[in-house]
C-alpha atoms as a PDB file:
ATOM      1  CA  MET A   1      74.894  64.803  40.914  1.00  0.00           C
ATOM      2  CA  PRO A   2      73.548  65.503  44.421  1.00  0.00           C
ATOM      3  CA  THR A   3      76.167  66.034  47.126  1.00  0.00           C
ATOM      4  CA  PRO A   4      76.259  62.955  49.405  1.00  0.00           C
ATOM      5  CA  ILE A   5      76.199  63.839  53.104  1.00  0.00           C
ATOM      6  CA  ILE A   6      76.013  62.301  56.555  1.00  0.00           C
ATOM      7  CA  ILE A   7      74.008  64.288  59.097  1.00  0.00           C
ATOM      8  CA  ASP A   8      75.156  63.843  62.709  1.00  0.00           C
ATOM      9  CA  THR A   9      72.582  65.347  65.018  1.00  0.00           C
ATOM     10  CA  ASP A  10      70.981  65.746  68.462  1.00  0.00           C
ATOM     11  CA  PRO A  11      67.403  66.883  67.704  1.00  0.00           C
ATOM     12  CA  GLY A  12      66.466  69.614  68.942  1.00  0.00           C
ATOM     13  CA  GLN A  13      64.006  71.824  67.081  1.00  0.00           C
ATOM     14  CA  ASP A  14      66.628  73.471  64.873  1.00  0.00           C
ATOM     15  CA  ASP A  15      68.041  70.063  63.951  1.00  0.00           C
ATOM     16  CA  ALA A  16      64.589  68.945  62.807  1.00  0.00           C
ATOM     17  CA  ILE A  17      64.281  71.881  60.442  1.00  0.00           C
ATOM     18  CA  ALA A  18      67.780  71.233  59.089  1.00  0.00           C
ATOM     19  CA  ILE A  19      66.936  67.578  58.404  1.00  0.00           C
ATOM     20  CA  TRP A  20      63.677  68.501  56.680  1.00  0.00           C
ATOM     21  CA  LEU A  21      65.501  71.079  54.573  1.00  0.00           C
ATOM     22  CA  ALA A  22      68.024  68.450  53.451  1.00  0.00           C
ATOM     23  CA  ILE A  23      65.211  66.037  52.568  1.00  0.00           C
ATOM     24  CA  ALA A  24      63.405  68.734  50.591  1.00  0.00           C
ATOM     25  CA  ALA A  25      66.588  69.524  48.646  1.00  0.00           C
ATOM     26  CA  ARG A  26      66.785  65.998  47.238  1.00  0.00           C
ATOM     27  CA  GLU A  27      67.938  67.217  43.834  1.00  0.00           C
ATOM     28  CA  VAL A  28      70.993  68.861  45.401  1.00  0.00           C
ATOM     29  CA  ILE A  29      71.676  66.776  48.528  1.00  0.00           C
ATOM     30  CA  ALA A  30      71.694  62.994  48.974  1.00  0.00           C
ATOM     31  CA  ILE A  31      71.476  61.917  52.631  1.00  0.00           C
ATOM     32  CA  ASP A  32      73.621  58.804  53.028  1.00  0.00           C
ATOM     33  CA  CYS A  33      72.560  58.216  56.644  1.00  0.00           C
ATOM     34  CA  ILE A  34      71.735  60.083  59.825  1.00  0.00           C
ATOM     35  CA  THR A  35      73.605  59.455  63.064  1.00  0.00           C
ATOM     36  CA  ALA A  36      72.404  60.526  66.502  1.00  0.00           C
ATOM     37  CA  VAL A  37      74.499  61.819  69.391  1.00  0.00           C
ATOM     38  CA  ALA A  38      73.756  62.909  72.941  1.00  0.00           C
ATOM     39  CA  GLY A  39      73.369  66.666  73.240  1.00  0.00           C
ATOM     40  CA  ASN A  40      70.118  68.581  73.536  1.00  0.00           C
ATOM     41  CA  VAL A  41      68.663  65.442  75.164  1.00  0.00           C
ATOM     42  CA  PRO A  42      70.147  61.977  75.874  1.00  0.00           C
ATOM     43  CA  VAL A  43      71.003  59.807  72.902  1.00  0.00           C
ATOM     44  CA  ALA A  44      68.043  57.434  73.265  1.00  0.00           C
ATOM     45  CA  GLN A  45      65.755  60.429  72.777  1.00  0.00           C
ATOM     46  CA  THR A  46      67.789  62.062  70.001  1.00  0.00           C
ATOM     47  CA  THR A  47      67.722  58.754  68.104  1.00  0.00           C
ATOM     48  CA  ALA A  48      63.956  58.466  68.504  1.00  0.00           C
ATOM     49  CA  ASN A  49      63.612  62.090  67.435  1.00  0.00           C
ATOM     50  CA  VAL A  50      65.511  61.515  64.187  1.00  0.00           C
ATOM     51  CA  ILE A  51      63.074  58.742  63.311  1.00  0.00           C
ATOM     52  CA  ARG A  52      60.070  60.906  64.258  1.00  0.00           C
ATOM     53  CA  ILE A  53      61.385  63.645  61.967  1.00  0.00           C
ATOM     54  CA  LEU A  54      61.882  61.222  59.087  1.00  0.00           C
ATOM     55  CA  ASP A  55      58.441  59.669  59.626  1.00  0.00           C
ATOM     56  CA  CYS A  56      56.820  63.080  59.303  1.00  0.00           C
ATOM     57  CA  ALA A  57      58.589  63.729  55.988  1.00  0.00           C
ATOM     58  CA  GLY A  58      57.825  60.284  54.569  1.00  0.00           C
ATOM     59  CA  ARG A  59      61.486  59.217  54.595  1.00  0.00           C
ATOM     60  CA  SER A  60      61.493  56.308  57.030  1.00  0.00           C
ATOM     61  CA  ASP A  61      63.711  54.530  54.500  1.00  0.00           C
ATOM     62  CA  LEU A  62      66.794  56.538  55.505  1.00  0.00           C
ATOM     63  CA  PRO A  63      69.262  54.680  57.767  1.00  0.00           C
ATOM     64  CA  VAL A  64      69.469  55.950  61.344  1.00  0.00           C
ATOM     65  CA  HIS A  65      72.194  54.904  63.780  1.00  0.00           C
ATOM     66  CA  ARG A  66      72.382  55.548  67.524  1.00  0.00           C
ATOM     67  CA  GLY A  67      75.711  56.991  68.649  1.00  0.00           C
ATOM     68  CA  ALA A  68      77.688  58.187  71.662  1.00  0.00           C
ATOM     69  CA  GLU A  69      75.858  58.410  74.974  1.00  0.00           C
ATOM     70  CA  ALA A  70      78.309  60.828  76.593  1.00  0.00           C
ATOM     71  CA  PRO A  71      81.138  63.219  75.675  1.00  0.00           C
ATOM     72  CA  LEU A  72      84.702  61.941  75.442  1.00  0.00           C
ATOM     73  CA  VAL A  73      85.851  63.219  78.862  1.00  0.00           C
ATOM     74  CA  VAL A  74      83.330  65.414  80.666  1.00  0.00           C
ATOM     75  CA  ALA A  75      79.860  64.559  81.947  1.00  0.00           C
ATOM     76  CA  LEU A  76      76.923  65.110  79.587  1.00  0.00           C
ATOM     77  CA  GLU A  77      75.016  68.372  79.922  1.00  0.00           C
ATOM     78  CA  THR A  78      71.676  68.583  78.122  1.00  0.00           C
ATOM     79  CA  ALA A  79      69.317  71.432  77.239  1.00  0.00           C
ATOM     80  CA  GLU A  80      65.779  70.371  78.068  1.00  0.00           C
ATOM     81  CA  PHE A  81      65.270  73.804  79.600  1.00  0.00           C
ATOM     82  CA  VAL A  82      65.394  75.176  76.039  1.00  0.00           C
ATOM     83  CA  CYS A  83      64.053  72.392  73.807  1.00  0.00           C
ATOM     84  CA  GLY A  84      61.652  70.655  76.213  1.00  0.00           C
ATOM     85  CA  PRO A  85      61.693  67.205  77.838  1.00  0.00           C
ATOM     86  CA  ASP A  86      61.673  65.321  74.526  1.00  0.00           C
ATOM     87  CA  GLY A  87      63.824  67.805  72.599  1.00  0.00           C
ATOM     88  CA  LEU A  88      61.070  68.605  70.104  1.00  0.00           C
ATOM     89  CA  ASP A  89      58.661  70.610  72.248  1.00  0.00           C
ATOM     90  CA  GLY A  90      55.891  72.103  70.138  1.00  0.00           C
ATOM     91  CA  SER A  91      56.355  69.710  67.206  1.00  0.00           C
ATOM     92  CA  GLY A  92      53.331  67.525  67.884  1.00  0.00           C
ATOM     93  CA  LEU A  93      55.173  64.589  66.309  1.00  0.00           C
ATOM     94  CA  PRO A  94      53.972  61.086  67.221  1.00  0.00           C
ATOM     95  CA  PRO A  95      56.288  58.395  68.641  1.00  0.00           C
ATOM     96  CA  PRO A  96      58.804  56.829  66.248  1.00  0.00           C
ATOM     97  CA  SER A  97      57.570  54.097  63.923  1.00  0.00           C
ATOM     98  CA  ARG A  98      60.658  51.912  64.307  1.00  0.00           C
ATOM     99  CA  ASP A  99      63.928  51.352  66.081  1.00  0.00           C
ATOM    100  CA  ALA A 100      67.301  52.565  64.886  1.00  0.00           C
ATOM    101  CA  ASP A 101      69.208  50.494  62.366  1.00  0.00           C
ATOM    102  CA  PRO A 102      71.756  47.971  63.669  1.00  0.00           C
ATOM    103  CA  GLY A 103      75.270  49.165  64.369  1.00  0.00           C
ATOM    104  CA  HIS A 104      76.725  52.063  66.304  1.00  0.00           C
ATOM    105  CA  ALA A 105      76.800  55.492  64.672  1.00  0.00           C
ATOM    106  CA  VAL A 106      80.598  55.627  64.815  1.00  0.00           C
ATOM    107  CA  GLU A 107      80.835  52.284  63.025  1.00  0.00           C
ATOM    108  CA  ALA A 108      78.377  53.534  60.419  1.00  0.00           C
ATOM    109  CA  ILE A 109      80.350  56.734  59.801  1.00  0.00           C
ATOM    110  CA  ILE A 110      83.565  54.750  59.357  1.00  0.00           C
ATOM    111  CA  ALA A 111      81.998  52.128  57.094  1.00  0.00           C
ATOM    112  CA  ARG A 112      80.205  54.626  54.877  1.00  0.00           C
ATOM    113  CA  LEU A 113      83.252  56.847  54.464  1.00  0.00           C
ATOM    114  CA  ARG A 114      85.399  53.851  53.555  1.00  0.00           C
ATOM    115  CA  ALA A 115      82.824  52.714  51.013  1.00  0.00           C
ATOM    116  CA  ALA A 116      82.210  56.126  49.448  1.00  0.00           C
ATOM    117  CA  PRO A 117      83.858  56.235  46.024  1.00  0.00           C
ATOM    118  CA  ALA A 118      84.410  59.994  46.041  1.00  0.00           C
ATOM    119  CA  GLY A 119      84.087  60.930  49.693  1.00  0.00           C
ATOM    120  CA  LEU A 120      81.277  62.391  51.789  1.00  0.00           C
ATOM    121  CA  THR A 121      80.449  65.746  53.324  1.00  0.00           C
ATOM    122  CA  LEU A 122      79.841  65.549  57.080  1.00  0.00           C
ATOM    123  CA  CYS A 123      77.166  67.814  58.548  1.00  0.00           C
ATOM    124  CA  PRO A 124      77.337  67.736  62.367  1.00  0.00           C
ATOM    125  CA  LEU A 125      74.539  69.693  64.028  1.00  0.00           C
ATOM    126  CA  GLY A 126      75.324  68.775  67.650  1.00  0.00           C
ATOM    127  CA  PRO A 127      78.308  67.897  69.835  1.00  0.00           C
ATOM    128  CA  LEU A 128      81.139  66.381  67.808  1.00  0.00           C
ATOM    129  CA  THR A 129      81.578  63.169  69.827  1.00  0.00           C
ATOM    130  CA  ASN A 130      80.680  60.695  67.065  1.00  0.00           C
ATOM    131  CA  LEU A 131      82.942  62.369  64.524  1.00  0.00           C
ATOM    132  CA  ALA A 132      85.902  62.559  66.905  1.00  0.00           C
ATOM    133  CA  LEU A 133      85.574  58.881  67.834  1.00  0.00           C
ATOM    134  CA  ALA A 134      85.434  57.877  64.178  1.00  0.00           C
ATOM    135  CA  MET A 135      88.539  59.913  63.393  1.00  0.00           C
ATOM    136  CA  ARG A 136      90.472  58.437  66.308  1.00  0.00           C
ATOM    137  CA  LEU A 137      89.385  54.839  65.666  1.00  0.00           C
ATOM    138  CA  ALA A 138      89.906  54.943  61.899  1.00  0.00           C
ATOM    139  CA  PRO A 139      92.267  57.705  60.771  1.00  0.00           C
ATOM    140  CA  ASP A 140      92.245  56.166  57.293  1.00  0.00           C
ATOM    141  CA  ILE A 141      88.811  57.753  56.739  1.00  0.00           C
ATOM    142  CA  LEU A 142      90.159  61.307  56.843  1.00  0.00           C
ATOM    143  CA  PRO A 143      90.953  61.533  53.106  1.00  0.00           C
ATOM    144  CA  LYS A 144      87.386  60.410  52.381  1.00  0.00           C
ATOM    145  CA  ILE A 145      85.943  63.425  54.222  1.00  0.00           C
ATOM    146  CA  GLU A 146      85.232  65.911  51.436  1.00  0.00           C
ATOM    147  CA  ARG A 147      84.553  68.625  53.996  1.00  0.00           C
ATOM    148  CA  ILE A 148      82.846  69.228  57.317  1.00  0.00           C
ATOM    149  CA  VAL A 149      80.125  71.875  57.611  1.00  0.00           C
ATOM    150  CA  LEU A 150      79.311  72.213  61.284  1.00  0.00           C
ATOM    151  CA  MET A 151      77.165  74.273  63.622  1.00  0.00           C
ATOM    152  CA  GLY A 152      79.176  75.303  66.655  1.00  0.00           C
ATOM    153  CA  GLY A 153      81.372  77.907  68.265  1.00  0.00           C
ATOM    154  CA  ALA A 154      81.125  81.648  68.640  1.00  0.00           C
ATOM    155  CA  ILE A 155      83.180  84.676  67.722  1.00  0.00           C
ATOM    156  CA  GLY A 156      81.693  86.559  70.677  1.00  0.00           C
ATOM    157  CA  LEU A 157      79.530  85.572  73.626  1.00  0.00           C
ATOM    158  CA  GLY A 158      78.268  82.031  74.110  1.00  0.00           C
ATOM    159  CA  ASN A 159      74.709  80.796  74.573  1.00  0.00           C
ATOM    160  CA  ILE A 160      75.185  78.165  77.295  1.00  0.00           C
ATOM    161  CA  THR A 161      77.905  79.979  79.257  1.00  0.00           C
ATOM    162  CA  PRO A 162      79.196  83.523  78.801  1.00  0.00           C
ATOM    163  CA  ALA A 163      82.157  82.058  76.904  1.00  0.00           C
ATOM    164  CA  ALA A 164      80.852  79.031  75.019  1.00  0.00           C
ATOM    165  CA  GLU A 165      78.313  77.913  72.456  1.00  0.00           C
ATOM    166  CA  PHE A 166      76.382  74.788  73.504  1.00  0.00           C
ATOM    167  CA  ASN A 167      77.786  72.179  71.097  1.00  0.00           C
ATOM    168  CA  MET A 168      81.391  73.116  71.822  1.00  0.00           C
ATOM    169  CA  HIS A 169      80.751  73.293  75.569  1.00  0.00           C
ATOM    170  CA  VAL A 170      79.136  69.847  75.721  1.00  0.00           C
ATOM    171  CA  ASP A 171      82.159  68.077  74.234  1.00  0.00           C
ATOM    172  CA  PRO A 172      85.144  70.408  73.857  1.00  0.00           C
ATOM    173  CA  HIS A 173      87.612  67.527  73.583  1.00  0.00           C
ATOM    174  CA  ALA A 174      85.755  66.130  70.572  1.00  0.00           C
ATOM    175  CA  ALA A 175      85.679  69.607  69.046  1.00  0.00           C
ATOM    176  CA  ALA A 176      89.453  69.852  69.451  1.00  0.00           C
ATOM    177  CA  VAL A 177      89.897  66.544  67.603  1.00  0.00           C
ATOM    178  CA  VAL A 178      87.689  67.645  64.718  1.00  0.00           C
ATOM    179  CA  LEU A 179      89.247  71.106  64.431  1.00  0.00           C
ATOM    180  CA  GLY A 180      92.631  69.443  64.270  1.00  0.00           C
ATOM    181  CA  CYS A 181      91.709  66.796  61.680  1.00  0.00           C
ATOM    182  CA  GLY A 182      93.230  68.597  58.724  1.00  0.00           C
ATOM    183  CA  ARG A 183      90.153  68.389  56.503  1.00  0.00           C
ATOM    184  CA  PRO A 184      88.254  71.420  55.116  1.00  0.00           C
ATOM    185  CA  ILE A 185      85.852  72.803  57.740  1.00  0.00           C
ATOM    186  CA  VAL A 186      83.106  75.395  57.386  1.00  0.00           C
ATOM    187  CA  MET A 187      82.050  76.710  60.797  1.00  0.00           C
ATOM    188  CA  MET A 188      78.567  78.098  61.411  1.00  0.00           C
ATOM    189  CA  GLY A 189      78.913  79.710  64.821  1.00  0.00           C
ATOM    190  CA  LEU A 190      76.684  82.035  66.767  1.00  0.00           C
ATOM    191  CA  GLY A 191      78.280  84.972  64.951  1.00  0.00           C
ATOM    192  CA  VAL A 192      76.185  84.087  61.918  1.00  0.00           C
ATOM    193  CA  THR A 193      73.340  81.919  63.229  1.00  0.00           C
ATOM    194  CA  LEU A 194      72.096  84.662  65.543  1.00  0.00           C
ATOM    195  CA  LYS A 195      71.742  86.814  62.431  1.00  0.00           C
ATOM    196  CA  ALA A 196      69.771  84.103  60.620  1.00  0.00           C
ATOM    197  CA  ILE A 197      66.498  85.294  62.087  1.00  0.00           C
ATOM    198  CA  ALA A 198      63.107  84.236  60.782  1.00  0.00           C
ATOM    199  CA  THR A 199      60.682  87.066  61.418  1.00  0.00           C
ATOM    200  CA  HIS A 200      57.359  86.470  63.134  1.00  0.00           C
ATOM    201  CA  GLU A 201      55.682  87.018  59.761  1.00  0.00           C
ATOM    202  CA  GLN A 202      57.851  84.377  58.106  1.00  0.00           C
ATOM    203  CA  ILE A 203      57.216  81.943  60.944  1.00  0.00           C
ATOM    204  CA  ALA A 204      53.459  82.467  60.604  1.00  0.00           C
ATOM    205  CA  ARG A 205      53.633  81.332  56.965  1.00  0.00           C
ATOM    206  CA  PHE A 206      54.578  77.820  58.043  1.00  0.00           C
ATOM    207  CA  ALA A 207      51.120  77.438  59.605  1.00  0.00           C
ATOM    208  CA  THR A 208      49.485  78.219  56.258  1.00  0.00           C
ATOM    209  CA  LEU A 209      51.290  75.503  54.274  1.00  0.00           C
ATOM    210  CA  GLY A 210      48.636  72.915  55.146  1.00  0.00           C
ATOM    211  CA  THR A 211      51.249  70.195  55.709  1.00  0.00           C
ATOM    212  CA  ALA A 212      52.333  68.133  58.692  1.00  0.00           C
ATOM    213  CA  THR A 213      55.876  69.495  58.514  1.00  0.00           C
ATOM    214  CA  GLY A 214      54.588  73.052  58.234  1.00  0.00           C
ATOM    215  CA  ARG A 215      52.398  72.661  61.317  1.00  0.00           C
ATOM    216  CA  SER A 216      55.262  71.054  63.212  1.00  0.00           C
ATOM    217  CA  ILE A 217      57.724  73.804  62.299  1.00  0.00           C
ATOM    218  CA  HIS A 218      55.240  76.489  63.275  1.00  0.00           C
ATOM    219  CA  GLY A 219      54.567  74.774  66.593  1.00  0.00           C
ATOM    220  CA  MET A 220      58.261  74.461  67.406  1.00  0.00           C
ATOM    221  CA  LEU A 221      59.106  78.044  66.467  1.00  0.00           C
ATOM    222  CA  THR A 222      56.211  79.551  68.436  1.00  0.00           C
ATOM    223  CA  ARG A 223      56.568  77.438  71.588  1.00  0.00           C
ATOM    224  CA  PRO A 224      57.270  79.260  74.865  1.00  0.00           C
ATOM    225  CA  ARG A 225      61.023  79.591  75.423  1.00  0.00           C
ATOM    226  CA  PRO A 226      63.144  81.020  78.223  1.00  0.00           C
ATOM    227  CA  GLY A 227      63.253  84.742  77.559  1.00  0.00           C
ATOM    228  CA  GLY A 228      60.752  84.462  74.705  1.00  0.00           C
ATOM    229  CA  LEU A 229      61.559  84.963  71.040  1.00  0.00           C
ATOM    230  CA  GLY A 230      62.619  88.581  71.378  1.00  0.00           C
ATOM    231  CA  THR A 231      61.347  91.268  69.052  1.00  0.00           C
ATOM    232  CA  ALA A 232      62.833  90.160  65.742  1.00  0.00           C
ATOM    233  CA  GLY A 233      61.889  86.497  65.428  1.00  0.00           C
ATOM    234  CA  HIS A 234      63.585  83.144  65.829  1.00  0.00           C
ATOM    235  CA  PRO A 235      67.126  82.022  64.940  1.00  0.00           C
ATOM    236  CA  MET A 236      67.365  78.604  63.302  1.00  0.00           C
ATOM    237  CA  HIS A 237      70.990  77.754  63.989  1.00  0.00           C
ATOM    238  CA  ASP A 238      71.360  74.255  62.546  1.00  0.00           C
ATOM    239  CA  ALA A 239      69.466  74.973  59.346  1.00  0.00           C
ATOM    240  CA  CYS A 240      72.377  77.230  58.328  1.00  0.00           C
ATOM    241  CA  VAL A 241      74.521  74.127  57.787  1.00  0.00           C
ATOM    242  CA  ILE A 242      72.214  72.713  55.121  1.00  0.00           C
ATOM    243  CA  ALA A 243      71.431  76.150  53.706  1.00  0.00           C
ATOM    244  CA  TYR A 244      75.140  76.732  53.130  1.00  0.00           C
ATOM    245  CA  LEU A 245      75.328  73.594  50.985  1.00  0.00           C
ATOM    246  CA  LEU A 246      72.389  74.855  48.937  1.00  0.00           C
ATOM    247  CA  TRP A 247      73.062  78.585  48.716  1.00  0.00           C
ATOM    248  CA  PRO A 248      76.651  79.451  49.658  1.00  0.00           C
ATOM    249  CA  GLU A 249      76.258  82.820  47.953  1.00  0.00           C
ATOM    250  CA  LEU A 250      74.025  83.950  50.849  1.00  0.00           C
ATOM    251  CA  PHE A 251      76.888  83.578  53.354  1.00  0.00           C
ATOM    252  CA  ALA A 252      80.213  85.333  53.876  1.00  0.00           C
ATOM    253  CA  GLY A 253      83.198  84.646  56.124  1.00  0.00           C
ATOM    254  CA  ARG A 254      86.941  84.145  56.119  1.00  0.00           C
ATOM    255  CA  ASP A 255      89.554  81.479  56.716  1.00  0.00           C
ATOM    256  CA  CYS A 256      90.739  81.507  60.336  1.00  0.00           C
ATOM    257  CA  PHE A 257      92.682  79.526  62.871  1.00  0.00           C
ATOM    258  CA  VAL A 258      90.221  78.257  65.491  1.00  0.00           C
ATOM    259  CA  SER A 259      91.013  76.587  68.819  1.00  0.00           C
ATOM    260  CA  VAL A 260      88.697  75.379  71.571  1.00  0.00           C
ATOM    261  CA  ALA A 261      89.276  75.499  75.326  1.00  0.00           C
ATOM    262  CA  THR A 262      89.141  72.024  76.891  1.00  0.00           C
ATOM    263  CA  GLU A 263      90.016  72.885  80.494  1.00  0.00           C
ATOM    264  CA  ASP A 264      87.424  72.810  83.254  1.00  0.00           C
ATOM    265  CA  GLY A 265      86.076  76.136  84.414  1.00  0.00           C
ATOM    266  CA  PRO A 266      84.224  79.103  82.984  1.00  0.00           C
ATOM    267  CA  LEU A 267      86.074  79.041  79.640  1.00  0.00           C
ATOM    268  CA  ARG A 268      85.305  75.412  78.771  1.00  0.00           C
ATOM    269  CA  GLY A 269      84.213  75.135  75.160  1.00  0.00           C
ATOM    270  CA  ARG A 270      85.186  78.696  74.254  1.00  0.00           C
ATOM    271  CA  THR A 271      86.309  78.991  70.645  1.00  0.00           C
ATOM    272  CA  THR A 272      89.165  81.385  70.018  1.00  0.00           C
ATOM    273  CA  ILE A 273      88.768  82.537  66.427  1.00  0.00           C
ATOM    274  CA  ASP A 274      91.782  84.381  65.062  1.00  0.00           C
ATOM    275  CA  TRP A 275      89.702  86.629  62.833  1.00  0.00           C
ATOM    276  CA  ASN A 276      92.546  89.040  62.085  1.00  0.00           C
ATOM    277  CA  GLY A 277      95.383  86.523  61.825  1.00  0.00           C
ATOM    278  CA  ARG A 278      97.239  87.747  64.902  1.00  0.00           C
ATOM    279  CA  LEU A 279      98.586  84.306  65.795  1.00  0.00           C
ATOM    280  CA  LYS A 280     100.124  83.712  62.357  1.00  0.00           C
ATOM    281  CA  ARG A 281      98.927  80.109  62.412  1.00  0.00           C
ATOM    282  CA  PRO A 282      97.489  78.265  59.397  1.00  0.00           C
ATOM    283  CA  ALA A 283      93.715  78.481  59.088  1.00  0.00           C
ATOM    284  CA  ASN A 284      91.807  75.315  59.987  1.00  0.00           C
ATOM    285  CA  ALA A 285      88.254  76.552  59.339  1.00  0.00           C
ATOM    286  CA  HIS A 286      86.282  78.865  57.100  1.00  0.00           C
ATOM    287  CA  VAL A 287      84.319  80.849  59.688  1.00  0.00           C
ATOM    288  CA  ILE A 288      81.000  82.252  58.485  1.00  0.00           C
ATOM    289  CA  ALA A 289      80.006  85.611  59.956  1.00  0.00           C
ATOM    290  CA  GLU A 290      77.359  87.093  57.635  1.00  0.00           C
ATOM    291  CA  VAL A 291      74.128  85.886  56.065  1.00  0.00           C
ATOM    292  CA  GLU A 292      71.397  87.415  53.924  1.00  0.00           C
ATOM    293  CA  ALA A 293      68.707  86.406  56.398  1.00  0.00           C
ATOM    294  CA  HIS A 294      65.574  87.511  54.575  1.00  0.00           C
ATOM    295  CA  GLU A 295      66.495  85.767  51.343  1.00  0.00           C
ATOM    296  CA  LEU A 296      67.644  82.693  53.289  1.00  0.00           C
ATOM    297  CA  PHE A 297      64.250  82.167  54.898  1.00  0.00           C
ATOM    298  CA  GLU A 298      62.356  82.953  51.731  1.00  0.00           C
ATOM    299  CA  ARG A 299      64.235  80.142  49.990  1.00  0.00           C
ATOM    300  CA  MET A 300      63.927  77.823  52.980  1.00  0.00           C
ATOM    301  CA  THR A 301      60.173  78.293  53.178  1.00  0.00           C
ATOM    302  CA  GLY A 302      59.811  77.563  49.483  1.00  0.00           C
ATOM    303  CA  LEU A 303      61.685  74.286  49.785  1.00  0.00           C
ATOM    304  CA  LEU A 304      60.038  73.191  53.024  1.00  0.00           C
ATOM    305  CA  ALA A 305      56.628  73.775  51.447  1.00  0.00           C
ATOM    306  CA  THR A 306      57.305  70.814  49.147  1.00  0.00           C
ATOM    307  CA  LEU A 307      57.311  68.317  52.037  1.00  0.00           C
ATOM    308  CA  PRO A 308      54.209  66.413  53.178  1.00  0.00           C
END
């Protein structure tokens, strides 16, 4: 049976590719619903973007719920300077065909976990605000969380500050709640996602698919970005979350204790990953550090080619 999941997201180009990958893997993954959170852009735009992404893939039937407008404690910081004013710069996607479904994202997460007969896997691709609120409001849902596979954190340098990865920096207090929830967590941080590089040649193949999703992916991955794409290609951070569900054999990591800095200042959102077990504390996450990048993108391209 396909693995039932909830995707919590703040699209974002990488989020779009992750969502399309999950849709394409329908024989392996069953999307229960998609919830939007403020992150790359404000939540009104991330919600609209989820619907635009689903429209393009012919899956406007999937439930979409609008979620938290701001982090738990700190002010929202967004990333239009990277992903463009609408979050999906280069995609060429038209406006959304509909509004979000009734009900707040946090309510939807709680209700769907309570109703799930065998639990759900949570796949957060953005700041962890919605998940943290659900856990605090309804702790009875925790046993229904099969596992959490998230994109966030960094073993080394950050990508929004020298210390922190963007998702953890935006809402470190929510990240602390989730890391402390006691459920199985797989962490896709910058240590692995910056190795998950699609080469320029692989990116060019998306333009040859002759599909709307292919053209959109190619446009997003070849758009001008601060600092350019570098010499190797383009990392697709969030897609690693879905790829791990499909092909765990392409990834390697180890169980670690992970904490996140919540104090104001230059360390906010920094993840301390006890890679060598120096702190002697129980592991709370399986931290992925390696990926077979070439094979990953070969398989991704094959699946994405099946979409309209």
